Amino acid sequence: MQNTYETIETLGLTEVGASLPIPSDSVLTGRCIGESFEALFAPLVSTGLEGEIEPLAHGLVTVLFRRREALSTALDKETRTLQGLIRCADGSEVLETQLEQSQDNIKRLKAVLDAIDQMAEAAASAYELKTSKAYIPPSGSRAATQAHLTGAVFEAK
């Protein structure tokens, strides 16, 4: 009988999700966020910890928004790397491979960023439903990264 690690190795899933699909928006918002909020905070209602629901929920939402910021920074850095590689392009096979890897990294970072953005916005909405208060991040802005996208980009997705 194989253990989990051997199964992962056998199936070739050793790259920490690099080639695994991103879940759909309904899974991210409904199951990941909706069910998480319900599972974490419903048992606290009508107990001595009910007063802790708001700060705990705020912390959970804040973690998602901070992760979104970190991914956005990583995407900007990878984009600058790609631009530098393009400027240095000399047609060599090594540089072409680096260009392809950088483009793949950017594509993957964009997909992950979109998913985390969906989760962060869903968590902010769940926070507002659970606490009847608007979510205000401790620092920075709540502006969604999707707010800057055009209609053509939405249609392409």
Protein backbone atom coordinates (compact mmCIF):
# COMPACT_ATOMS: atom_id res chain seq x y z
CA MET A 1 0.00 0.00 0.00
CA GLN A 2 1.37 3.41 -1.01
CA ASN A 3 1.39 6.34 1.36
CA THR A 4 0.25 9.78 0.26
CA TYR A 5 3.73 10.99 -0.65
CA GLU A 6 4.41 7.95 -2.83
CA THR A 7 1.07 8.45 -4.60
CA ILE A 8 1.89 12.10 -5.27
CA GLU A 9 5.32 11.14 -6.60
CA THR A 10 3.82 8.38 -8.78
CA LEU A 11 1.32 10.79 -10.31
CA GLY A 12 3.97 13.46 -10.82
CA LEU A 13 2.32 16.03 -8.58
CA THR A 14 5.48 17.19 -6.84
CA GLU A 15 5.59 20.84 -7.98
CA VAL A 16 3.40 22.36 -5.24
CA GLY A 17 0.37 22.89 -7.44
CA ALA A 18 2.22 24.45 -10.36
CA SER A 19 0.32 22.37 -12.90
CA LEU A 20 -2.85 21.70 -10.94
CA PRO A 21 -6.06 23.47 -12.03
CA ILE A 22 -7.46 26.46 -10.15
CA PRO A 23 -10.92 25.74 -8.66
CA SER A 24 -13.92 27.50 -10.19
CA ASP A 25 -15.25 30.74 -8.72
CA SER A 26 -18.28 28.97 -7.25
CA VAL A 27 -16.00 26.52 -5.40
CA LEU A 28 -13.77 29.34 -4.15
CA THR A 29 -16.58 31.57 -2.94
CA GLY A 30 -19.16 28.98 -1.88
CA ARG A 31 -17.25 26.06 -0.51
CA CYS A 32 -13.92 27.58 0.52
CA ILE A 33 -15.20 30.83 1.98
CA GLY A 34 -18.90 30.28 2.71
CA GLU A 35 -18.47 26.92 4.37
CA SER A 36 -15.32 28.07 6.20
CA PHE A 37 -17.13 31.01 7.76
CA GLU A 38 -20.03 28.78 8.74
CA ALA A 39 -17.78 26.07 10.20
CA LEU A 40 -15.58 28.50 12.11
CA PHE A 41 -18.11 30.95 13.48
CA ALA A 42 -21.53 29.25 13.73
CA PRO A 43 -20.48 27.16 16.75
CA LEU A 44 -19.49 30.36 18.60
CA VAL A 45 -22.97 31.94 18.37
CA SER A 46 -24.82 31.95 21.72
CA THR A 47 -21.65 31.11 23.65
CA GLY A 48 -19.23 33.11 25.74
CA LEU A 49 -17.07 33.51 22.61
CA GLU A 50 -19.72 35.19 20.47
CA GLY A 51 -18.01 38.54 21.02
CA GLU A 52 -14.88 37.12 19.39
CA ILE A 53 -16.58 36.37 16.06
CA GLU A 54 -15.99 39.85 14.65
CA PRO A 55 -12.24 40.13 15.37
CA LEU A 56 -11.62 36.54 14.26
CA ALA A 57 -13.59 37.01 11.05
CA HIS A 58 -11.80 40.30 10.41
CA GLY A 59 -8.45 38.54 10.83
CA LEU A 60 -9.42 35.81 8.39
CA VAL A 61 -10.44 38.34 5.74
CA THR A 62 -7.29 40.38 6.37
CA VAL A 63 -5.10 37.32 5.72
CA LEU A 64 -6.68 36.90 2.28
CA PHE A 65 -6.25 40.57 1.38
CA ARG A 66 -2.61 40.51 2.49
CA ARG A 67 -1.99 37.41 0.41
CA ARG A 68 -3.52 39.21 -2.58
CA GLU A 69 -1.09 42.09 -2.05
CA ALA A 70 1.87 39.69 -1.83
CA LEU A 71 0.84 37.93 -5.04
CA SER A 72 0.39 41.26 -6.80
CA THR A 73 3.93 42.25 -5.77
CA ALA A 74 5.29 38.90 -7.01
CA LEU A 75 3.46 39.39 -10.32
CA ASP A 76 4.95 42.88 -10.73
CA LYS A 77 8.43 41.51 -10.01
CA GLU A 78 8.02 38.66 -12.50
CA THR A 79 6.71 41.11 -15.12
CA ARG A 80 9.81 43.27 -14.68
CA THR A 81 11.97 40.14 -15.01
CA LEU A 82 10.22 39.25 -18.26
CA GLN A 83 10.69 42.77 -19.60
CA GLY A 84 14.41 42.54 -18.82
CA LEU A 85 14.66 39.19 -20.58
CA ILE A 86 12.89 40.60 -23.63
CA ARG A 87 15.33 43.52 -23.78
CA CYS A 88 18.27 41.09 -23.61
CA ALA A 89 16.82 38.63 -26.13
CA ASP A 90 19.57 37.43 -28.44
CA GLY A 91 17.92 34.31 -29.84
CA SER A 92 19.87 31.86 -27.71
CA GLU A 93 18.14 28.72 -26.57
CA VAL A 94 18.91 29.39 -22.92
CA LEU A 95 17.33 32.84 -23.03
CA GLU A 96 14.31 31.51 -24.93
CA THR A 97 13.80 28.91 -22.20
CA GLN A 98 14.02 31.60 -19.53
CA LEU A 99 11.48 33.71 -21.46
CA GLU A 100 9.06 30.78 -21.65
CA GLN A 101 9.46 30.02 -17.94
CA SER A 102 8.88 33.64 -17.03
CA GLN A 103 5.77 33.79 -19.22
CA ASP A 104 4.46 30.60 -17.60
CA ASN A 105 5.15 32.04 -14.14
CA ILE A 106 3.25 35.22 -15.02
CA LYS A 107 0.30 33.25 -16.37
CA ARG A 108 0.17 31.10 -13.23
CA LEU A 109 0.55 34.09 -10.89
CA LYS A 110 -2.32 35.88 -12.66
CA ALA A 111 -4.58 32.85 -12.27
CA VAL A 112 -3.72 32.46 -8.58
CA LEU A 113 -4.12 36.20 -7.99
CA ASP A 114 -7.58 36.14 -9.60
CA ALA A 115 -8.58 33.18 -7.41
CA ILE A 116 -7.31 34.80 -4.19
CA ASP A 117 -9.02 38.04 -5.20
CA GLN A 118 -12.32 36.16 -5.57
CA MET A 119 -11.82 34.55 -2.17
CA ALA A 120 -10.90 37.86 -0.49
CA GLU A 121 -13.98 39.63 -1.85
CA ALA A 122 -16.21 36.69 -0.91
CA ALA A 123 -14.72 36.68 2.59
CA ALA A 124 -15.33 40.43 2.93
CA SER A 125 -18.96 39.87 1.93
CA ALA A 126 -19.27 36.96 4.38
CA TYR A 127 -17.77 39.17 7.10
CA GLU A 128 -20.34 41.85 6.36
CA LEU A 129 -23.19 39.30 6.49
CA LYS A 130 -21.93 37.71 9.71
CA THR A 131 -21.17 40.93 11.61
CA SER A 132 -23.45 43.52 9.92
CA LYS A 133 -20.38 45.76 9.58
CA ALA A 134 -18.43 46.72 6.49
CA TYR A 135 -14.98 45.17 6.19
CA ILE A 136 -12.25 47.81 6.36
CA PRO A 137 -8.69 46.55 5.89
CA PRO A 138 -6.22 47.56 8.61
CA SER A 139 -3.96 49.09 5.95
CA GLY A 140 -4.03 49.66 2.24
CA SER A 141 -7.09 49.55 0.06
CA ARG A 142 -9.89 47.08 -0.49
CA ALA A 143 -10.07 47.97 -4.18
CA ALA A 144 -10.26 44.72 -6.11
CA THR A 145 -7.64 43.99 -8.71
CA GLN A 146 -10.52 43.19 -11.06
CA ALA A 147 -11.79 46.77 -10.77
CA HIS A 148 -9.05 47.83 -13.20
CA LEU A 149 -9.88 45.23 -15.85
CA THR A 150 -11.69 46.17 -19.02
CA GLY A 151 -14.78 44.47 -20.45
CA ALA A 152 -12.64 42.76 -23.09
CA VAL A 153 -10.52 41.12 -20.39
CA PHE A 154 -13.64 39.88 -18.58
CA GLU A 155 -14.99 38.41 -21.81
CA ALA A 156 -11.66 36.71 -22.54
CA LYS A 157 -11.73 35.03 -19.14
